[in-house]
Amino acid sequence: MQGGGGVHQPLEEPVLLMRCAALKAPDLNSYLEGGGFVGAAACADLSPLEVITTLRQASLRGRGSDGQPVFLKWFAFSRGRGPGLLVVDARQLDPRGLANQALILGNPFGLLEGLAIAALALGARRARVLLPPGAQDQRHFLQSALGQYLSLRPLEGQTPDLELEFAEDAPPAPAGQGRALWHCLETWHQITLVFALGVRRFLDQGMGGQGGTRLVTVGGAVRQPGLVEVPMGAHLWQVLEAGGGLSQPERFQALCLDGGLSGFLSLEAAATPLAPEELVSARVNPGFGTLWAWQEGVCLVRRVGQALEEISRRSGGDQPASQATRQALALVEELAQGRGGPGSLVRLDELCQELQYLGAPAAWPLASALTHFAPHWQEHQEGRPCLQA
């Protein structure tokens, strides 16, 4: 795995990671012996509405950037015409993230069971898996797992004939291919857990009314960097504690989400829970995958500039969001050099509001940094750029 860290299990019962073994090759028989496809088998006797109602009762929220209640997506999809397309987004903003690799290479059948549940309830059997560039090992693992699934047919006469196709850096549902039910990879695994554990036990894994758990890769100034599983609804400081806690608490400066692409938080904001609305209110992307603790010596203004530059490079084009991102980047670079001058922050705040209105990715790093590190920006506007990296 990437990132140089291990896999830690702070929960008494790390229900998702405990299903991720170090596999040389997929083994459906071992998955079945461990209770695999029990949840899907239960769904075979449920109506589509009963399946959707179960997802609602489990309070399952998407683990991606939208954080929507999963049952709402399923209900809307069920009202459409035609079979539609199931989408698995296994890409990640920060390549240091360990979750997707752990889920695919450690538990490929957990994904297939989630897709089988959707096929049984919604009639959609074709799935598109979006992988990051160079993830050939993950693709081969899933193809091998699918071959065993279609050969052994774990649900006997009720086994849906799933079809997998793979794409890199492609839109979830290209024009002309109809509607799509989109979830990130972890959400599909959580769907499997809802039916494997049952609603009550699934709810018990979370906190504050949130159901299930969440995978986060922690790093930076923590004692045990690596992949952790924590209750959904846990505070961000509890995520850090799952990684052994801060190595030097007295030198803590900031939390960096997805290398800055999903935002920045202060120590005070570490009390924010892993819940979509609260994270959005803190101006950060609720679908972040990595959480890095930074010590003193980091210039937040420069790091915001680096994040905006990366976002601009990835998006390209001449759309309004791309134009606003480039304008914000130019202004941030001036401030980083102490050349912003009076009115720079007002203009930057206006650009930030425009980016938020457009739903642009650049809004996450910019809005969070302006909100949680206002004195740092003020110093730069007054022509006192720091010498930090």
Protein backbone atom coordinates (compact mmCIF):
# COMPACT_ATOMS: atom_id res chain seq x y z
CA MET A 1 0.00 0.00 0.00
CA GLN A 2 0.98 3.59 -0.56
CA GLY A 3 1.62 6.16 2.14
CA GLY A 4 4.19 4.33 4.23
CA GLY A 5 1.72 3.47 7.00
CA GLY A 6 -0.14 0.47 8.28
CA VAL A 7 -3.77 -0.40 8.84
CA HIS A 8 -5.06 0.41 12.32
CA GLN A 9 -8.34 -0.72 13.85
CA PRO A 10 -9.43 1.58 16.68
CA LEU A 11 -12.95 0.14 16.89
CA GLU A 12 -13.76 -2.81 19.08
CA GLU A 13 -15.26 -4.32 15.96
CA PRO A 14 -13.77 -2.74 12.79
CA VAL A 15 -16.51 -4.19 10.62
CA LEU A 16 -15.16 -2.98 7.28
CA LEU A 17 -11.42 -3.45 7.70
CA MET A 18 -11.86 -6.85 9.34
CA ARG A 19 -13.24 -8.02 6.00
CA CYS A 20 -10.14 -6.80 4.16
CA ALA A 21 -7.52 -9.55 4.19
CA ALA A 22 -4.09 -9.60 2.53
CA LEU A 23 -5.11 -11.64 -0.52
CA LYS A 24 -2.84 -13.04 -3.20
CA ALA A 25 -5.94 -13.65 -5.31
CA PRO A 26 -9.71 -13.35 -4.81
CA ASP A 27 -11.29 -16.38 -3.12
CA LEU A 28 -15.08 -16.49 -3.23
CA ASN A 29 -15.29 -19.62 -1.10
CA SER A 30 -13.46 -17.90 1.76
CA TYR A 31 -15.76 -14.89 1.42
CA LEU A 32 -18.83 -17.15 1.61
CA GLU A 33 -17.43 -18.97 4.66
CA GLY A 34 -17.12 -15.59 6.39
CA GLY A 35 -20.78 -14.77 5.80
CA GLY A 36 -20.46 -13.24 2.36
CA PHE A 37 -23.61 -12.73 0.28
CA VAL A 38 -25.86 -13.32 3.30
CA GLY A 39 -27.05 -9.73 2.96
CA ALA A 40 -27.67 -10.06 -0.76
CA ALA A 41 -29.56 -13.31 -0.18
CA ALA A 42 -31.86 -11.50 2.25
CA CYS A 43 -32.54 -8.82 -0.38
CA ALA A 44 -33.66 -11.43 -2.88
CA ASP A 45 -36.88 -11.81 -0.88
CA LEU A 46 -37.48 -8.07 -0.45
CA SER A 47 -39.33 -5.69 -2.74
CA PRO A 48 -37.40 -2.72 -4.19
CA LEU A 49 -39.24 -0.40 -1.78
CA GLU A 50 -38.32 -2.61 1.18
CA VAL A 51 -34.64 -2.49 0.19
CA ILE A 52 -34.75 1.29 -0.14
CA THR A 53 -36.58 1.61 3.17
CA THR A 54 -33.88 -0.48 4.85
CA LEU A 55 -31.21 1.92 3.56
CA ARG A 56 -33.24 4.81 4.98
CA GLN A 57 -33.61 3.13 8.37
CA ALA A 58 -29.85 2.54 8.47
CA SER A 59 -29.17 6.29 8.07
CA LEU A 60 -26.54 5.48 5.44
CA ARG A 61 -24.98 8.57 3.92
CA GLY A 62 -22.74 8.56 0.86
CA ARG A 63 -19.05 8.59 1.74
CA GLY A 64 -18.27 10.75 -1.30
CA SER A 65 -18.32 14.52 -1.72
CA ASP A 66 -22.11 14.89 -1.91
CA GLY A 67 -22.83 12.99 1.32
CA GLN A 68 -26.44 12.44 0.31
CA PRO A 69 -28.70 9.90 2.01
CA VAL A 70 -28.22 6.77 -0.08
CA PHE A 71 -31.89 5.84 -0.06
CA LEU A 72 -32.80 9.10 -1.85
CA LYS A 73 -30.51 8.22 -4.76
CA TRP A 74 -31.92 4.70 -4.91
CA PHE A 75 -35.50 5.93 -4.81
CA ALA A 76 -34.88 8.44 -7.61
CA PHE A 77 -33.11 5.77 -9.68
CA SER A 78 -36.01 3.33 -9.15
CA ARG A 79 -38.43 5.84 -10.66
CA GLY A 80 -36.57 6.02 -13.96
CA ARG A 81 -36.98 4.00 -17.11
CA GLY A 82 -34.68 1.31 -18.44
CA PRO A 83 -31.99 -0.66 -16.61
CA GLY A 84 -29.61 2.25 -16.07
CA LEU A 85 -25.96 2.08 -15.08
CA LEU A 86 -24.34 1.44 -11.70
CA VAL A 87 -21.22 3.55 -11.14
CA VAL A 88 -18.37 2.80 -8.75
CA ASP A 89 -16.00 5.73 -8.33
CA ALA A 90 -12.77 4.23 -7.02
CA ARG A 91 -10.69 7.32 -7.76
CA GLN A 92 -9.27 9.55 -5.03
CA LEU A 93 -8.13 13.14 -4.76
CA ASP A 94 -5.00 12.31 -2.78
CA PRO A 95 -2.89 9.40 -4.11
CA ARG A 96 -1.65 8.77 -0.56
CA GLY A 97 -5.11 7.45 0.36
CA LEU A 98 -5.13 3.77 1.30
CA ALA A 99 -8.85 3.01 1.53
CA ASN A 100 -9.68 2.14 -2.07
CA GLN A 101 -6.67 -0.10 -2.50
CA ALA A 102 -7.49 -1.90 0.76
CA LEU A 103 -11.11 -2.43 -0.26
CA ILE A 104 -10.44 -3.71 -3.77
CA LEU A 105 -7.39 -5.86 -3.09
CA GLY A 106 -8.60 -7.01 0.31
CA ASN A 107 -12.32 -7.49 -0.26
CA PRO A 108 -13.38 -7.38 -3.93
CA PHE A 109 -16.50 -9.43 -3.23
CA GLY A 110 -17.75 -6.79 -0.81
CA LEU A 111 -18.16 -4.51 -3.83
CA LEU A 112 -19.75 -7.22 -5.97
CA GLU A 113 -22.25 -7.98 -3.23
CA GLY A 114 -23.25 -4.32 -3.05
CA LEU A 115 -23.73 -4.28 -6.83
CA ALA A 116 -25.72 -7.52 -6.63
CA ILE A 117 -28.04 -5.92 -4.06
CA ALA A 118 -28.63 -3.01 -6.43
CA ALA A 119 -29.20 -5.41 -9.32
CA LEU A 120 -31.77 -7.38 -7.33
CA ALA A 121 -33.61 -4.29 -6.13
CA LEU A 122 -33.31 -1.99 -9.13
CA GLY A 123 -32.75 -4.31 -12.09
CA ALA A 124 -29.45 -2.66 -13.09
CA ARG A 125 -26.78 -5.22 -13.90
CA ARG A 126 -24.20 -3.20 -15.78
CA ALA A 127 -21.57 -1.39 -13.71
CA ARG A 128 -18.86 1.07 -14.64
CA VAL A 129 -15.83 1.16 -12.34
CA LEU A 130 -13.81 4.38 -12.45
CA LEU A 131 -10.20 3.67 -11.49
CA PRO A 132 -7.19 5.97 -11.10
CA PRO A 133 -4.53 5.77 -13.81
CA GLY A 134 -2.17 2.84 -13.42
CA ALA A 135 -4.46 0.72 -11.24
CA GLN A 136 -4.12 -2.40 -13.35
CA ASP A 137 -3.72 -4.64 -10.30
CA GLN A 138 -7.07 -3.47 -8.96
CA ARG A 139 -8.73 -4.01 -12.31
CA HIS A 140 -7.37 -7.56 -12.60
CA PHE A 141 -8.48 -8.33 -9.04
CA LEU A 142 -12.03 -7.25 -9.75
CA GLN A 143 -12.12 -9.12 -13.06
CA SER A 144 -10.94 -12.29 -11.34
CA ALA A 145 -13.52 -11.86 -8.56
CA LEU A 146 -16.28 -11.32 -11.12
CA GLY A 147 -15.27 -14.49 -12.95
CA GLN A 148 -15.63 -16.52 -9.74
CA TYR A 149 -18.94 -14.83 -8.95
CA LEU A 150 -20.40 -15.68 -12.35
CA SER A 151 -19.03 -19.22 -12.22
CA LEU A 152 -20.08 -20.20 -8.69
CA ARG A 153 -23.27 -18.08 -8.60
CA PRO A 154 -23.42 -17.55 -4.81
CA LEU A 155 -27.15 -16.74 -4.85
CA GLU A 156 -27.93 -19.83 -6.91
CA GLY A 157 -30.92 -19.20 -9.16
CA GLN A 158 -31.23 -15.58 -8.03
CA THR A 159 -27.65 -14.51 -8.81
CA PRO A 160 -27.77 -11.39 -11.03
CA ASP A 161 -25.54 -11.52 -14.12
CA LEU A 162 -23.34 -8.53 -13.33
CA GLU A 163 -21.29 -6.86 -16.05
CA LEU A 164 -18.23 -4.75 -15.19
CA GLU A 165 -16.56 -2.23 -17.44
CA PHE A 166 -13.60 -0.10 -16.46
CA ALA A 167 -12.58 3.47 -17.23
CA GLU A 168 -9.94 5.96 -16.14
CA ASP A 169 -10.69 9.67 -15.75
CA ALA A 170 -14.03 9.26 -17.51
CA PRO A 171 -17.43 10.76 -16.67
CA PRO A 172 -19.68 8.38 -14.73
CA ALA A 173 -22.39 8.26 -17.41
CA PRO A 174 -21.39 9.53 -20.85
CA ALA A 175 -24.07 11.26 -22.89
CA GLY A 176 -26.49 8.86 -24.49
CA GLN A 177 -26.04 6.10 -21.89
CA GLY A 178 -29.02 7.06 -19.74
CA ARG A 179 -29.30 7.43 -16.00
CA ALA A 180 -26.70 6.30 -13.50
CA LEU A 181 -26.64 5.37 -9.82
CA TRP A 182 -23.33 6.80 -8.63
CA HIS A 183 -21.55 5.94 -5.38
CA CYS A 184 -17.92 6.01 -4.33
CA LEU A 185 -16.30 2.64 -3.64
CA GLU A 186 -16.63 2.80 0.14
CA THR A 187 -20.35 3.57 -0.10
CA TRP A 188 -20.94 0.36 -2.07
CA HIS A 189 -19.17 -1.58 0.67
CA GLN A 190 -21.28 0.15 3.31
CA ILE A 191 -24.43 -0.88 1.42
CA THR A 192 -23.27 -4.49 1.70
CA LEU A 193 -22.75 -4.03 5.45
CA VAL A 194 -26.25 -2.63 6.00
CA PHE A 195 -27.78 -5.92 4.87
CA ALA A 196 -25.05 -8.18 6.24
CA LEU A 197 -25.22 -6.69 9.76
CA GLY A 198 -28.84 -5.58 9.89
CA VAL A 199 -30.09 -2.06 10.53
CA ARG A 200 -29.66 -2.00 14.32
CA ARG A 201 -26.13 -3.32 14.33
CA PHE A 202 -25.15 -1.03 11.46
CA LEU A 203 -26.50 1.99 13.33
CA ASP A 204 -24.57 0.93 16.41
CA GLN A 205 -21.30 1.35 14.48
CA GLY A 206 -21.89 5.09 14.11
CA MET A 207 -22.29 8.08 16.43
CA GLY A 208 -24.62 11.04 16.64
CA GLY A 209 -27.32 9.50 14.47
CA GLN A 210 -24.90 8.54 11.70
CA GLY A 211 -24.85 4.93 10.53
CA GLY A 212 -21.78 2.77 9.93
CA THR A 213 -18.09 3.60 9.91
CA ARG A 214 -15.68 5.61 7.81
CA LEU A 215 -12.21 4.88 6.43
CA VAL A 216 -9.61 7.67 6.59
CA THR A 217 -5.88 7.66 5.89
CA VAL A 218 -4.09 9.71 8.56
CA GLY A 219 -0.56 11.02 8.28
CA GLY A 220 1.84 13.84 9.01
CA ALA A 221 2.58 14.59 12.65
CA VAL A 222 0.76 11.56 14.12
CA ARG A 223 2.31 8.65 15.96
CA GLN A 224 0.85 5.84 13.82
CA PRO A 225 0.15 6.99 10.25
CA GLY A 226 -1.97 4.68 8.15
CA LEU A 227 -5.54 3.65 7.38
CA VAL A 228 -8.03 3.83 10.24
CA GLU A 229 -11.69 2.93 10.60
CA VAL A 230 -13.74 5.18 12.86
CA PRO A 231 -17.44 5.57 13.63
CA MET A 232 -19.30 7.82 11.24
CA GLY A 233 -20.06 10.91 13.31
CA ALA A 234 -16.82 10.73 15.31
CA HIS A 235 -14.97 14.02 15.75
CA LEU A 236 -11.88 14.66 13.66
CA TRP A 237 -9.72 14.63 16.79
CA GLN A 238 -10.93 11.07 17.34
CA VAL A 239 -9.69 10.22 13.84
CA LEU A 240 -6.28 11.55 14.86
CA GLU A 241 -6.43 9.52 18.08
CA ALA A 242 -7.09 6.41 15.98
CA GLY A 243 -3.73 7.15 14.37
CA GLY A 244 -2.02 7.27 17.75
CA GLY A 245 -2.64 10.96 18.35
CA LEU A 246 -0.45 13.95 17.55
CA SER A 247 3.27 13.31 17.90
CA GLN A 248 3.92 16.86 19.16
CA PRO A 249 0.62 18.49 20.14
CA GLU A 250 2.29 21.72 21.22
CA ARG A 251 3.55 22.27 17.65
CA PHE A 252 0.26 21.55 15.87
CA GLN A 253 -0.71 24.12 13.24
CA ALA A 254 -3.38 22.78 10.89
CA LEU A 255 -5.25 19.82 9.49
CA CYS A 256 -4.88 19.27 5.76
CA LEU A 257 -7.54 17.26 3.91
CA ASP A 258 -6.56 15.47 0.69
CA GLY A 259 -3.35 17.43 0.38
CA GLY A 260 -5.36 20.65 0.63
CA LEU A 261 -7.74 19.83 -2.24
CA SER A 262 -10.55 19.18 0.25
CA GLY A 263 -9.66 22.02 2.59
CA PHE A 264 -7.82 23.05 5.75
CA LEU A 265 -8.91 23.14 9.39
CA SER A 266 -7.58 24.67 12.60
CA LEU A 267 -7.16 22.95 15.95
CA GLU A 268 -10.49 24.38 17.14
CA ALA A 269 -12.23 22.86 14.11
CA ALA A 270 -10.90 19.40 15.00
CA ALA A 271 -14.11 19.03 17.02
CA THR A 272 -16.05 18.85 13.74
CA PRO A 273 -17.78 15.46 13.42
CA LEU A 274 -17.54 13.14 10.43
CA ALA A 275 -21.01 14.08 9.23
CA PRO A 276 -21.80 15.66 5.85
CA GLU A 277 -23.65 18.79 7.01
CA GLU A 278 -21.16 19.62 9.74
CA LEU A 279 -18.18 19.18 7.43
CA VAL A 280 -19.76 21.35 4.75
CA SER A 281 -20.51 23.98 7.40
CA ALA A 282 -16.79 23.90 8.25
CA ARG A 283 -16.16 24.64 4.54
CA VAL A 284 -14.42 21.33 3.80
CA ASN A 285 -15.23 18.50 1.42
CA PRO A 286 -17.18 15.81 3.33
CA GLY A 287 -15.80 13.13 1.02
CA PHE A 288 -12.14 13.64 1.94
CA GLY A 289 -9.97 10.52 2.12
CA THR A 290 -6.75 11.67 3.82
CA LEU A 291 -6.22 13.72 6.97
CA TRP A 292 -2.72 15.11 7.57
CA ALA A 293 -1.63 16.89 10.75
CA TRP A 294 0.76 19.77 10.09
CA GLN A 295 3.21 21.21 12.56
CA GLU A 296 4.42 24.80 12.74
CA GLY A 297 6.33 26.06 9.76
CA VAL A 298 3.67 25.82 7.04
CA CYS A 299 2.43 28.87 5.14
CA LEU A 300 -1.30 28.30 4.61
CA VAL A 301 -1.46 30.96 1.90
CA ARG A 302 1.20 29.21 -0.16
CA ARG A 303 -0.45 25.82 0.39
CA VAL A 304 -3.80 27.19 -0.78
CA GLY A 305 -2.02 28.45 -3.89
CA GLN A 306 -0.59 24.99 -4.52
CA ALA A 307 -4.04 23.43 -4.13
CA LEU A 308 -5.61 25.93 -6.53
CA GLU A 309 -2.82 25.35 -9.03
CA GLU A 310 -3.43 21.59 -8.90
CA ILE A 311 -7.18 22.04 -9.30
CA SER A 312 -6.66 24.40 -12.23
CA ARG A 313 -4.31 21.91 -13.87
CA ARG A 314 -6.79 19.07 -13.49
CA SER A 315 -9.84 20.97 -14.70
CA GLY A 316 -8.43 23.10 -17.50
CA GLY A 317 -10.94 24.54 -19.96
CA ASP A 318 -12.47 27.99 -20.09
CA GLN A 319 -15.64 27.45 -18.09
CA PRO A 320 -16.71 30.05 -15.49
CA ALA A 321 -15.42 27.88 -12.64
CA SER A 322 -12.03 27.46 -14.33
CA GLN A 323 -11.76 31.21 -14.94
CA ALA A 324 -12.66 32.05 -11.35
CA THR A 325 -10.15 29.47 -10.10
CA ARG A 326 -7.35 31.04 -12.14
CA GLN A 327 -8.27 34.51 -10.91
CA ALA A 328 -8.25 33.32 -7.31
CA LEU A 329 -4.90 31.59 -7.87
CA ALA A 330 -3.32 34.78 -9.23
CA LEU A 331 -4.54 36.76 -6.23
CA VAL A 332 -3.37 34.12 -3.74
CA GLU A 333 0.08 34.11 -5.34
CA GLU A 334 0.28 37.89 -4.96
CA LEU A 335 -0.70 37.62 -1.29
CA ALA A 336 1.85 34.86 -0.73
CA GLN A 337 4.54 37.26 -1.89
CA GLY A 338 3.20 40.11 0.24
CA ARG A 339 2.03 42.08 -2.80
CA GLY A 340 -1.72 41.87 -2.31
CA GLY A 341 -2.43 45.30 -0.92
CA PRO A 342 -5.67 46.76 0.50
CA GLY A 343 -8.83 45.16 -0.85
CA SER A 344 -7.15 41.90 -1.86
CA LEU A 345 -9.00 39.83 0.73
CA VAL A 346 -12.33 41.43 -0.16
CA ARG A 347 -11.83 40.47 -3.80
CA LEU A 348 -10.65 37.00 -2.82
CA ASP A 349 -13.74 36.52 -0.68
CA GLU A 350 -15.91 37.55 -3.65
CA LEU A 351 -14.17 34.97 -5.85
CA CYS A 352 -14.63 32.39 -3.12
CA GLN A 353 -18.37 33.04 -3.00
CA GLU A 354 -18.53 32.74 -6.78
CA LEU A 355 -16.68 29.41 -6.67
CA GLN A 356 -19.05 28.14 -3.99
CA TYR A 357 -22.06 29.19 -6.05
CA LEU A 358 -20.65 27.32 -9.06
CA GLY A 359 -19.92 24.24 -6.96
CA ALA A 360 -16.28 24.41 -8.03
CA PRO A 361 -13.65 22.19 -6.35
CA ALA A 362 -11.49 25.25 -5.70
CA ALA A 363 -14.03 26.47 -3.15
CA TRP A 364 -12.97 23.83 -0.60
CA PRO A 365 -9.34 24.91 -0.02
CA LEU A 366 -10.05 28.60 -0.44
CA ALA A 367 -13.18 28.90 1.73
CA SER A 368 -11.84 26.73 4.55
CA ALA A 369 -8.50 28.53 4.73
CA LEU A 370 -10.13 31.99 4.68
CA THR A 371 -12.55 30.90 7.42
CA HIS A 372 -10.18 29.17 9.82
CA PHE A 373 -6.94 31.10 9.28
CA ALA A 374 -8.08 34.70 8.86
CA PRO A 375 -5.15 36.28 10.82
CA HIS A 376 -2.69 34.48 8.56
CA TRP A 377 -4.29 36.08 5.48
CA GLN A 378 -4.42 39.48 7.10
CA GLU A 379 -0.69 39.42 7.75
CA HIS A 380 -0.02 38.70 4.10
CA GLN A 381 -2.35 41.47 2.95
CA GLU A 382 -0.42 43.88 5.18
CA GLY A 383 2.74 42.98 3.32
CA ARG A 384 4.23 40.67 5.91
CA PRO A 385 4.67 37.39 4.02
CA CYS A 386 5.98 34.58 6.14
CA LEU A 387 9.13 32.70 5.25
CA GLN A 388 7.52 29.32 5.83
CA ALA A 389 7.14 26.70 3.14
